């Protein structure tokens, strides 16, 4: 087994799902989702 004693305490790590996010990040995610839906579904429907 490898010796990982040089690594920091795993309980002290902060990973992405644990970090807080604000209204700005939610708005950006919603905008990206809306643009993706428009490009994937609405645009092809208009071209048919």
C-alpha atoms as a PDB file:
ATOM      1  CA  UNK A   1       0.000   0.000   0.000  1.00  0.00           C
ATOM      2  CA  UNK A   2       1.281   3.475  -0.824  1.00  0.00           C
ATOM      3  CA  UNK A   3       2.281   5.863   1.922  1.00  0.00           C
ATOM      4  CA  UNK A   4       0.132   8.964   1.625  1.00  0.00           C
ATOM      5  CA  UNK A   5       1.135  10.529   4.919  1.00  0.00           C
ATOM      6  CA  UNK A   6       2.317  13.668   3.110  1.00  0.00           C
ATOM      7  CA  UNK A   7      -1.220  14.429   1.929  1.00  0.00           C
ATOM      8  CA  UNK A   8      -3.308  16.928   3.904  1.00  0.00           C
ATOM      9  CA  UNK A   9      -6.106  15.819   6.183  1.00  0.00           C
ATOM     10  CA  UNK A  10      -8.919  14.627   3.855  1.00  0.00           C
ATOM     11  CA  UNK A  11     -11.541  15.968   6.279  1.00  0.00           C
ATOM     12  CA  UNK A  12     -10.100  19.465   5.820  1.00  0.00           C
ATOM     13  CA  UNK A  13     -10.491  19.415   2.038  1.00  0.00           C
ATOM     14  CA  UNK A  14     -13.247  21.418   0.377  1.00  0.00           C
ATOM     15  CA  UNK A  15     -14.628  20.030  -2.856  1.00  0.00           C
ATOM     16  CA  UNK A  16     -16.886  21.726  -5.366  1.00  0.00           C
ATOM     17  CA  UNK A  17     -20.212  20.241  -4.192  1.00  0.00           C
ATOM     18  CA  UNK A  18     -19.495  21.503  -0.678  1.00  0.00           C
ATOM     19  CA  UNK A  19     -18.783  25.102  -1.633  1.00  0.00           C
ATOM     20  CA  UNK A  20     -21.511  27.690  -1.383  1.00  0.00           C
ATOM     21  CA  UNK A  21     -22.717  29.492  -4.488  1.00  0.00           C
ATOM     22  CA  UNK A  22     -24.657  32.691  -4.883  1.00  0.00           C
ATOM     23  CA  UNK A  23     -27.412  34.133  -6.995  1.00  0.00           C
ATOM     24  CA  UNK A  24     -24.916  35.190  -9.676  1.00  0.00           C
ATOM     25  CA  UNK A  25     -23.789  31.608 -10.257  1.00  0.00           C
ATOM     26  CA  UNK A  26     -27.402  30.414 -10.374  1.00  0.00           C
ATOM     27  CA  UNK A  27     -28.258  33.083 -12.953  1.00  0.00           C
ATOM     28  CA  UNK A  28     -25.257  32.148 -15.114  1.00  0.00           C
ATOM     29  CA  UNK A  29     -26.207  28.466 -14.946  1.00  0.00           C
ATOM     30  CA  UNK A  30     -29.805  29.244 -15.883  1.00  0.00           C
ATOM     31  CA  UNK A  31     -28.674  31.390 -18.821  1.00  0.00           C
ATOM     32  CA  UNK A  32     -26.329  28.677 -20.098  1.00  0.00           C
ATOM     33  CA  UNK A  33     -29.092  26.086 -19.768  1.00  0.00           C
ATOM     34  CA  UNK A  34     -31.570  28.304 -21.617  1.00  0.00           C
ATOM     35  CA  UNK A  35     -29.125  28.917 -24.483  1.00  0.00           C
ATOM     36  CA  UNK A  36     -28.413  25.182 -24.674  1.00  0.00           C
ATOM     37  CA  UNK A  37     -32.110  24.313 -24.830  1.00  0.00           C
ATOM     38  CA  UNK A  38     -32.684  26.941 -27.509  1.00  0.00           C
ATOM     39  CA  UNK A  39     -29.825  25.611 -29.617  1.00  0.00           C
ATOM     40  CA  UNK A  40     -30.693  21.937 -29.116  1.00  0.00           C
ATOM     41  CA  UNK A  41     -34.481  22.013 -29.477  1.00  0.00           C
ATOM     42  CA  UNK A  42     -35.919  25.321 -30.649  1.00  0.00           C
ATOM     43  CA  UNK A  43     -33.498  26.112 -33.479  1.00  0.00           C
ATOM     44  CA  UNK A  44     -33.829  22.678 -35.138  1.00  0.00           C
ATOM     45  CA  UNK A  45     -37.634  22.881 -34.816  1.00  0.00           C
ATOM     46  CA  UNK A  46     -37.604  26.238 -36.610  1.00  0.00           C
ATOM     47  CA  UNK A  47     -35.468  24.853 -39.433  1.00  0.00           C
ATOM     48  CA  UNK A  48     -37.843  21.986 -40.209  1.00  0.00           C
END
